[in-house]
């Protein structure tokens, strides 16, 4: 989808600060990420939400992985494969920390508590993945701000 690249282009066109450095790269990211780690305090990698060469090669040099997931069966079904990938990455990167962030959560107060409870219960089956306390809700404003680079 190139979401990060499009967002970066919108920020640059609008002249928003602080300026963000964007590197768009595919396939093996290991050497590129090692070089960026020497230059920057923080390096954020946005890979496609699927098993990819980019995900695997970035995971072997990453300090941490944050996997955003909805409380939906299709998203939660990816956790088994994610756990297998993490085990393989930790063979080369034993200090890797892995977190799960609930995203696109409901803002409906009637549903929110139960949705979070279900999310946490499901993640209990994956002890190698730590659930973050923060929750990102699904709001129209998040979609709207992408077009002007402020999201």
N, C-alpha and C. Protein backbone atom coordinates (compact mmCIF):
# COMPACT_ATOMS: atom_id res chain seq x y z
N UNK A 1 0.80 -1.20 0.00
CA UNK A 1 0.00 0.00 0.00
C UNK A 1 0.84 1.26 0.00
N UNK A 2 2.06 1.17 0.49
CA UNK A 2 2.95 2.31 0.58
C UNK A 2 2.38 3.42 1.47
N UNK A 3 1.67 3.05 2.52
CA UNK A 3 1.02 4.02 3.40
C UNK A 3 2.02 5.01 3.99
N UNK A 4 3.14 4.52 4.50
CA UNK A 4 4.13 5.41 5.12
C UNK A 4 4.72 6.36 4.09
N UNK A 5 5.01 5.87 2.89
CA UNK A 5 5.58 6.72 1.84
C UNK A 5 4.60 7.81 1.42
N UNK A 6 3.34 7.45 1.30
CA UNK A 6 2.33 8.45 0.92
C UNK A 6 2.15 9.48 2.03
N UNK A 7 2.14 9.02 3.26
CA UNK A 7 2.02 9.92 4.41
C UNK A 7 3.22 10.88 4.45
N UNK A 8 4.40 10.36 4.21
CA UNK A 8 5.61 11.18 4.19
C UNK A 8 5.53 12.25 3.10
N UNK A 9 5.07 11.87 1.92
CA UNK A 9 4.93 12.83 0.82
C UNK A 9 3.95 13.94 1.17
N UNK A 10 2.85 13.60 1.83
CA UNK A 10 1.88 14.61 2.26
C UNK A 10 2.50 15.56 3.28
N UNK A 11 3.27 15.03 4.21
CA UNK A 11 3.94 15.88 5.22
C UNK A 11 4.91 16.84 4.55
N UNK A 12 5.71 16.33 3.61
CA UNK A 12 6.67 17.19 2.92
C UNK A 12 5.97 18.27 2.12
N UNK A 13 4.92 17.91 1.41
CA UNK A 13 4.17 18.87 0.60
C UNK A 13 3.56 19.97 1.46
N UNK A 14 3.16 19.63 2.68
CA UNK A 14 2.55 20.61 3.58
C UNK A 14 3.60 21.38 4.38
N UNK A 15 4.88 20.98 4.28
CA UNK A 15 5.95 21.64 5.01
C UNK A 15 5.88 21.44 6.52
N UNK A 16 5.35 20.31 6.94
CA UNK A 16 5.19 20.05 8.37
C UNK A 16 6.51 19.69 9.04
N UNK A 17 6.65 20.14 10.28
CA UNK A 17 7.82 19.84 11.09
C UNK A 17 7.39 19.05 12.31
N UNK A 18 8.24 18.24 12.86
CA UNK A 18 9.61 18.02 12.43
C UNK A 18 9.67 17.20 11.14
N UNK A 19 10.75 17.42 10.42
CA UNK A 19 10.97 16.65 9.20
C UNK A 19 11.26 15.20 9.58
N UNK A 20 10.78 14.30 8.77
CA UNK A 20 10.97 12.87 9.01
C UNK A 20 11.74 12.29 7.83
N UNK A 21 12.76 11.51 8.13
CA UNK A 21 13.51 10.83 7.07
C UNK A 21 12.79 9.54 6.72
N UNK A 22 12.58 9.32 5.44
CA UNK A 22 11.93 8.09 4.99
C UNK A 22 12.85 7.36 4.03
N UNK A 23 13.03 6.08 4.27
CA UNK A 23 13.78 5.23 3.36
C UNK A 23 12.83 4.13 2.93
N UNK A 24 12.62 4.00 1.64
CA UNK A 24 11.74 2.95 1.13
C UNK A 24 12.61 1.86 0.52
N UNK A 25 12.51 0.67 1.08
CA UNK A 25 13.37 -0.43 0.65
C UNK A 25 12.58 -1.73 0.73
N UNK A 26 12.95 -2.65 -0.12
CA UNK A 26 12.28 -3.94 -0.17
C UNK A 26 13.30 -5.07 -0.07
N UNK A 27 12.83 -6.27 0.17
CA UNK A 27 13.64 -7.48 0.28
C UNK A 27 14.43 -7.49 1.59
N UNK A 28 15.75 -7.66 1.53
CA UNK A 28 16.56 -7.79 2.73
C UNK A 28 16.86 -6.41 3.32
N UNK A 29 16.37 -6.16 4.53
CA UNK A 29 16.54 -4.85 5.18
C UNK A 29 17.66 -4.82 6.21
N UNK A 30 18.29 -5.93 6.48
CA UNK A 30 19.23 -6.03 7.58
C UNK A 30 20.33 -4.98 7.53
N UNK A 31 21.08 -4.90 6.44
CA UNK A 31 22.20 -3.95 6.37
C UNK A 31 21.71 -2.51 6.42
N UNK A 32 20.63 -2.21 5.74
CA UNK A 32 20.09 -0.85 5.75
C UNK A 32 19.70 -0.44 7.16
N UNK A 33 19.04 -1.33 7.89
CA UNK A 33 18.62 -1.00 9.25
C UNK A 33 19.81 -0.85 10.19
N UNK A 34 20.83 -1.66 10.00
CA UNK A 34 22.03 -1.52 10.83
C UNK A 34 22.68 -0.16 10.58
N UNK A 35 22.72 0.28 9.34
CA UNK A 35 23.30 1.60 9.01
C UNK A 35 22.44 2.73 9.59
N UNK A 36 21.13 2.62 9.46
CA UNK A 36 20.24 3.64 10.00
C UNK A 36 20.32 3.70 11.53
N UNK A 37 20.52 2.57 12.17
CA UNK A 37 20.65 2.52 13.62
C UNK A 37 21.87 3.30 14.10
N UNK A 38 22.92 3.33 13.28
CA UNK A 38 24.12 4.10 13.62
C UNK A 38 23.88 5.61 13.50
N UNK A 39 22.95 5.99 12.65
CA UNK A 39 22.72 7.41 12.34
C UNK A 39 21.61 8.04 13.17
N UNK A 40 20.58 7.27 13.51
CA UNK A 40 19.40 7.82 14.18
C UNK A 40 19.18 7.17 15.54
N UNK A 41 18.57 7.94 16.44
CA UNK A 41 18.20 7.39 17.75
C UNK A 41 17.07 6.38 17.64
N UNK A 42 16.12 6.67 16.75
CA UNK A 42 14.95 5.80 16.58
C UNK A 42 14.77 5.48 15.11
N UNK A 43 14.57 4.21 14.82
CA UNK A 43 14.29 3.75 13.46
C UNK A 43 12.99 2.95 13.53
N UNK A 44 12.00 3.38 12.78
CA UNK A 44 10.71 2.70 12.75
C UNK A 44 10.55 2.05 11.39
N UNK A 45 10.21 0.78 11.40
CA UNK A 45 10.03 0.03 10.16
C UNK A 45 8.55 -0.33 10.05
N UNK A 46 7.96 0.02 8.93
CA UNK A 46 6.56 -0.31 8.67
C UNK A 46 6.53 -1.33 7.55
N UNK A 47 6.29 -2.58 7.91
CA UNK A 47 6.24 -3.64 6.90
C UNK A 47 4.80 -4.06 6.68
N UNK A 48 4.57 -4.71 5.56
CA UNK A 48 3.22 -5.20 5.25
C UNK A 48 2.77 -6.17 6.34
N UNK A 49 1.49 -6.21 6.58
CA UNK A 49 0.94 -7.06 7.62
C UNK A 49 0.82 -8.51 7.19
N UNK A 50 1.93 -9.07 6.78
CA UNK A 50 1.95 -10.46 6.35
C UNK A 50 3.37 -10.99 6.51
N UNK A 51 3.53 -12.27 6.35
CA UNK A 51 4.85 -12.88 6.40
C UNK A 51 5.61 -12.44 5.15
N UNK A 52 6.69 -11.70 5.35
CA UNK A 52 7.44 -11.18 4.20
C UNK A 52 8.93 -11.20 4.51
N UNK A 53 9.72 -11.11 3.46
CA UNK A 53 11.17 -11.05 3.62
C UNK A 53 11.55 -9.81 4.42
N UNK A 54 10.84 -8.72 4.18
CA UNK A 54 11.11 -7.47 4.90
C UNK A 54 10.89 -7.65 6.41
N UNK A 55 9.81 -8.33 6.76
CA UNK A 55 9.51 -8.54 8.18
C UNK A 55 10.57 -9.42 8.84
N UNK A 56 10.90 -10.51 8.20
CA UNK A 56 11.88 -11.44 8.77
C UNK A 56 13.25 -10.79 8.90
N UNK A 57 13.73 -10.13 7.85
CA UNK A 57 15.08 -9.55 7.89
C UNK A 57 15.16 -8.34 8.82
N UNK A 58 14.07 -7.63 9.02
CA UNK A 58 14.10 -6.53 9.98
C UNK A 58 14.03 -7.06 11.41
N UNK A 59 13.31 -8.16 11.60
CA UNK A 59 13.18 -8.73 12.93
C UNK A 59 14.46 -9.29 13.51
N UNK A 60 15.39 -9.68 12.66
CA UNK A 60 16.64 -10.24 13.17
C UNK A 60 17.60 -9.16 13.67
N UNK A 61 17.31 -7.88 13.40
CA UNK A 61 18.15 -6.79 13.91
C UNK A 61 17.37 -5.80 14.77
N UNK A 62 16.07 -5.96 14.87
CA UNK A 62 15.23 -5.02 15.62
C UNK A 62 15.46 -5.14 17.12
N UNK A 63 15.20 -4.03 17.82
CA UNK A 63 15.20 -4.05 19.28
C UNK A 63 13.84 -4.53 19.78
N UNK A 64 12.80 -4.12 19.04
CA UNK A 64 11.45 -4.53 19.42
C UNK A 64 10.53 -4.56 18.21
N UNK A 65 9.50 -5.36 18.32
CA UNK A 65 8.46 -5.44 17.31
C UNK A 65 7.15 -5.09 18.00
N UNK A 66 6.38 -4.22 17.38
CA UNK A 66 5.03 -3.93 17.86
C UNK A 66 4.07 -4.36 16.77
N UNK A 67 3.26 -5.35 17.08
CA UNK A 67 2.30 -5.89 16.12
C UNK A 67 0.92 -5.32 16.43
N UNK A 68 0.41 -4.41 15.59
CA UNK A 68 -0.94 -3.90 15.82
C UNK A 68 -1.97 -4.89 15.30
N UNK A 69 -2.93 -5.24 16.14
CA UNK A 69 -3.96 -6.19 15.75
C UNK A 69 -5.33 -5.72 16.21
N UNK A 70 -6.32 -5.97 15.38
CA UNK A 70 -7.70 -5.74 15.76
C UNK A 70 -8.18 -6.92 16.59
N UNK A 71 -9.24 -6.70 17.33
CA UNK A 71 -9.87 -7.81 18.04
C UNK A 71 -10.86 -8.46 17.08
N UNK A 72 -10.31 -9.10 16.06
CA UNK A 72 -11.12 -9.79 15.06
C UNK A 72 -10.48 -11.15 14.82
N UNK A 73 -11.28 -12.12 14.48
CA UNK A 73 -10.75 -13.47 14.29
C UNK A 73 -9.66 -13.53 13.22
N UNK A 74 -9.83 -12.87 12.06
CA UNK A 74 -8.76 -12.93 11.05
C UNK A 74 -7.42 -12.37 11.56
N UNK A 75 -7.46 -11.26 12.31
CA UNK A 75 -6.22 -10.71 12.86
C UNK A 75 -5.63 -11.63 13.92
N UNK A 76 -6.46 -12.07 14.84
CA UNK A 76 -5.97 -12.91 15.92
C UNK A 76 -5.45 -14.25 15.41
N UNK A 77 -6.00 -14.72 14.30
CA UNK A 77 -5.51 -15.98 13.71
C UNK A 77 -4.07 -15.87 13.22
N UNK A 78 -3.56 -14.67 13.02
CA UNK A 78 -2.18 -14.49 12.56
C UNK A 78 -1.16 -14.70 13.68
N UNK A 79 -1.62 -14.75 14.91
CA UNK A 79 -0.70 -14.83 16.04
C UNK A 79 0.10 -16.13 16.09
N UNK A 80 -0.47 -17.22 15.67
CA UNK A 80 0.27 -18.48 15.67
C UNK A 80 1.47 -18.39 14.74
N UNK A 81 1.26 -17.87 13.54
CA UNK A 81 2.37 -17.70 12.60
C UNK A 81 3.37 -16.67 13.13
N UNK A 82 2.87 -15.58 13.71
CA UNK A 82 3.76 -14.56 14.27
C UNK A 82 4.64 -15.17 15.35
N UNK A 83 4.08 -15.97 16.21
CA UNK A 83 4.86 -16.60 17.27
C UNK A 83 5.96 -17.50 16.70
N UNK A 84 5.65 -18.23 15.64
CA UNK A 84 6.65 -19.08 14.99
C UNK A 84 7.77 -18.22 14.39
N UNK A 85 7.40 -17.10 13.77
CA UNK A 85 8.40 -16.20 13.19
C UNK A 85 9.30 -15.61 14.28
N UNK A 86 8.69 -15.24 15.39
CA UNK A 86 9.45 -14.67 16.50
C UNK A 86 10.45 -15.68 17.04
N UNK A 87 10.03 -16.92 17.19
CA UNK A 87 10.95 -17.96 17.66
C UNK A 87 12.16 -18.07 16.73
N UNK A 88 11.93 -18.03 15.43
CA UNK A 88 13.03 -18.10 14.46
C UNK A 88 13.92 -16.86 14.55
N UNK A 89 13.32 -15.68 14.67
CA UNK A 89 14.09 -14.44 14.78
C UNK A 89 14.96 -14.44 16.03
N UNK A 90 14.42 -14.96 17.12
CA UNK A 90 15.16 -14.95 18.38
C UNK A 90 16.36 -15.89 18.36
N UNK A 91 16.41 -16.81 17.43
CA UNK A 91 17.62 -17.62 17.27
C UNK A 91 18.80 -16.74 16.89
N UNK A 92 18.55 -15.69 16.12
CA UNK A 92 19.59 -14.75 15.70
C UNK A 92 19.59 -13.47 16.53
N UNK A 93 18.49 -13.18 17.18
CA UNK A 93 18.32 -11.93 17.92
C UNK A 93 17.62 -12.24 19.25
N UNK A 94 18.35 -12.85 20.20
CA UNK A 94 17.72 -13.30 21.44
C UNK A 94 17.17 -12.19 22.33
N UNK A 95 17.60 -10.96 22.13
CA UNK A 95 17.13 -9.83 22.95
C UNK A 95 15.86 -9.18 22.39
N UNK A 96 15.34 -9.69 21.29
CA UNK A 96 14.16 -9.11 20.65
C UNK A 96 12.97 -9.11 21.60
N UNK A 97 12.35 -7.93 21.74
CA UNK A 97 11.13 -7.79 22.54
C UNK A 97 9.96 -7.69 21.57
N UNK A 98 8.86 -8.36 21.88
CA UNK A 98 7.71 -8.37 20.99
C UNK A 98 6.46 -7.97 21.76
N UNK A 99 5.75 -7.00 21.20
CA UNK A 99 4.55 -6.47 21.82
C UNK A 99 3.38 -6.54 20.84
N UNK A 100 2.20 -6.61 21.41
CA UNK A 100 0.98 -6.56 20.61
C UNK A 100 0.19 -5.34 21.06
N UNK A 101 -0.27 -4.56 20.11
CA UNK A 101 -1.04 -3.35 20.36
C UNK A 101 -2.43 -3.53 19.79
N UNK A 102 -3.44 -3.41 20.63
CA UNK A 102 -4.80 -3.50 20.12
C UNK A 102 -5.10 -2.23 19.33
N UNK A 103 -5.47 -2.41 18.07
CA UNK A 103 -5.76 -1.26 17.22
C UNK A 103 -7.18 -1.36 16.67
N UNK A 104 -7.65 -0.24 16.17
CA UNK A 104 -8.98 -0.15 15.57
C UNK A 104 -10.06 -0.64 16.54
N UNK A 105 -9.85 -0.37 17.82
CA UNK A 105 -10.82 -0.77 18.85
C UNK A 105 -12.05 0.13 18.78
N UNK A 106 -13.14 -0.39 19.27
CA UNK A 106 -14.37 0.38 19.28
C UNK A 106 -14.29 1.50 20.32
N UNK A 107 -14.99 2.58 20.06
CA UNK A 107 -15.13 3.65 21.05
C UNK A 107 -16.48 3.56 21.76
N UNK A 108 -17.28 2.60 21.37
CA UNK A 108 -18.60 2.41 21.97
C UNK A 108 -18.41 1.93 23.41
N UNK A 109 -18.83 2.73 24.40
CA UNK A 109 -18.60 2.35 25.79
C UNK A 109 -19.31 1.07 26.22
N UNK A 110 -20.38 0.71 25.53
CA UNK A 110 -21.10 -0.52 25.85
C UNK A 110 -20.29 -1.75 25.42
N UNK A 111 -19.56 -1.64 24.31
CA UNK A 111 -18.82 -2.77 23.75
C UNK A 111 -17.35 -2.80 24.14
N UNK A 112 -16.80 -1.65 24.46
CA UNK A 112 -15.35 -1.52 24.62
C UNK A 112 -14.74 -2.46 25.67
N UNK A 113 -15.34 -2.53 26.84
CA UNK A 113 -14.78 -3.37 27.91
C UNK A 113 -14.73 -4.83 27.53
N UNK A 114 -15.80 -5.33 26.94
CA UNK A 114 -15.84 -6.74 26.56
C UNK A 114 -14.86 -7.03 25.42
N UNK A 115 -14.75 -6.10 24.47
CA UNK A 115 -13.81 -6.29 23.37
C UNK A 115 -12.38 -6.40 23.90
N UNK A 116 -12.02 -5.53 24.82
CA UNK A 116 -10.68 -5.56 25.41
C UNK A 116 -10.46 -6.86 26.18
N UNK A 117 -11.47 -7.28 26.94
CA UNK A 117 -11.38 -8.53 27.70
C UNK A 117 -11.13 -9.71 26.77
N UNK A 118 -11.86 -9.78 25.67
CA UNK A 118 -11.68 -10.87 24.71
C UNK A 118 -10.29 -10.84 24.09
N UNK A 119 -9.82 -9.64 23.78
CA UNK A 119 -8.48 -9.47 23.20
C UNK A 119 -7.42 -10.00 24.16
N UNK A 120 -7.50 -9.58 25.41
CA UNK A 120 -6.52 -10.00 26.41
C UNK A 120 -6.58 -11.50 26.67
N UNK A 121 -7.78 -12.05 26.71
CA UNK A 121 -7.92 -13.49 26.93
C UNK A 121 -7.28 -14.28 25.79
N UNK A 122 -7.48 -13.83 24.57
CA UNK A 122 -6.91 -14.54 23.43
C UNK A 122 -5.39 -14.48 23.46
N UNK A 123 -4.85 -13.31 23.80
CA UNK A 123 -3.40 -13.15 23.82
C UNK A 123 -2.73 -13.94 24.94
N UNK A 124 -3.49 -14.37 25.94
CA UNK A 124 -2.91 -15.20 27.01
C UNK A 124 -2.33 -16.50 26.45
N UNK A 125 -2.82 -16.93 25.30
CA UNK A 125 -2.33 -18.16 24.68
C UNK A 125 -0.95 -17.98 24.04
N UNK A 126 -0.45 -16.74 24.02
CA UNK A 126 0.82 -16.44 23.36
C UNK A 126 1.74 -15.72 24.36
N UNK A 127 2.34 -16.46 25.29
CA UNK A 127 3.12 -15.83 26.35
C UNK A 127 4.40 -15.13 25.88
N UNK A 128 4.85 -15.40 24.67
CA UNK A 128 6.06 -14.73 24.17
C UNK A 128 5.75 -13.34 23.62
N UNK A 129 4.46 -12.99 23.55
CA UNK A 129 4.04 -11.69 23.03
C UNK A 129 3.40 -10.91 24.17
N UNK A 130 4.00 -9.78 24.52
CA UNK A 130 3.50 -8.95 25.62
C UNK A 130 2.46 -7.97 25.08
N UNK A 131 1.31 -7.91 25.73
CA UNK A 131 0.25 -6.99 25.31
C UNK A 131 0.51 -5.61 25.92
N UNK A 132 0.46 -4.59 25.08
CA UNK A 132 0.62 -3.22 25.57
C UNK A 132 -0.67 -2.74 26.23
N UNK A 133 -0.52 -1.86 27.22
CA UNK A 133 -1.69 -1.30 27.90
C UNK A 133 -2.46 -0.34 26.99
N UNK A 134 -1.76 0.33 26.10
CA UNK A 134 -2.40 1.31 25.21
C UNK A 134 -3.31 0.61 24.21
N UNK A 135 -4.37 1.31 23.84
CA UNK A 135 -5.32 0.83 22.84
C UNK A 135 -5.56 1.97 21.86
N UNK A 136 -5.50 1.66 20.57
CA UNK A 136 -5.81 2.66 19.55
C UNK A 136 -7.22 2.39 19.05
N UNK A 137 -8.06 3.40 19.18
CA UNK A 137 -9.45 3.24 18.76
C UNK A 137 -9.63 3.63 17.30
N UNK A 138 -10.70 3.16 16.73
CA UNK A 138 -11.02 3.47 15.34
C UNK A 138 -11.82 4.76 15.32
N UNK A 139 -11.23 5.81 14.76
CA UNK A 139 -11.89 7.11 14.70
C UNK A 139 -11.77 7.67 13.29
N UNK A 140 -12.81 8.30 12.84
CA UNK A 140 -12.82 8.89 11.51
C UNK A 140 -11.70 9.92 11.35
N UNK A 141 -11.40 10.66 12.38
CA UNK A 141 -10.37 11.69 12.31
C UNK A 141 -9.01 11.10 11.92
N UNK A 142 -8.73 9.85 12.31
CA UNK A 142 -7.47 9.22 11.95
C UNK A 142 -7.38 9.00 10.44
N UNK A 143 -8.49 8.65 9.84
CA UNK A 143 -8.50 8.48 8.38
C UNK A 143 -8.35 9.84 7.70
N UNK A 144 -9.05 10.84 8.20
CA UNK A 144 -9.06 12.16 7.57
C UNK A 144 -7.70 12.84 7.64
N UNK A 145 -6.96 12.68 8.73
CA UNK A 145 -5.70 13.40 8.89
C UNK A 145 -4.59 12.86 7.99
N UNK A 146 -4.75 11.67 7.47
CA UNK A 146 -3.72 11.10 6.58
C UNK A 146 -3.55 11.94 5.32
N UNK A 147 -4.63 12.51 4.82
CA UNK A 147 -4.54 13.24 3.55
C UNK A 147 -3.79 14.56 3.67
N UNK A 148 -3.63 15.08 4.89
CA UNK A 148 -2.85 16.31 5.03
C UNK A 148 -1.52 16.09 5.74
N UNK A 149 -1.18 14.82 5.98
CA UNK A 149 0.13 14.49 6.53
C UNK A 149 0.27 14.67 8.02
N UNK A 150 -0.81 14.93 8.73
CA UNK A 150 -0.70 15.16 10.17
C UNK A 150 -0.97 13.92 11.00
N UNK A 151 -1.41 12.84 10.39
CA UNK A 151 -1.77 11.63 11.14
C UNK A 151 -0.58 10.82 11.56
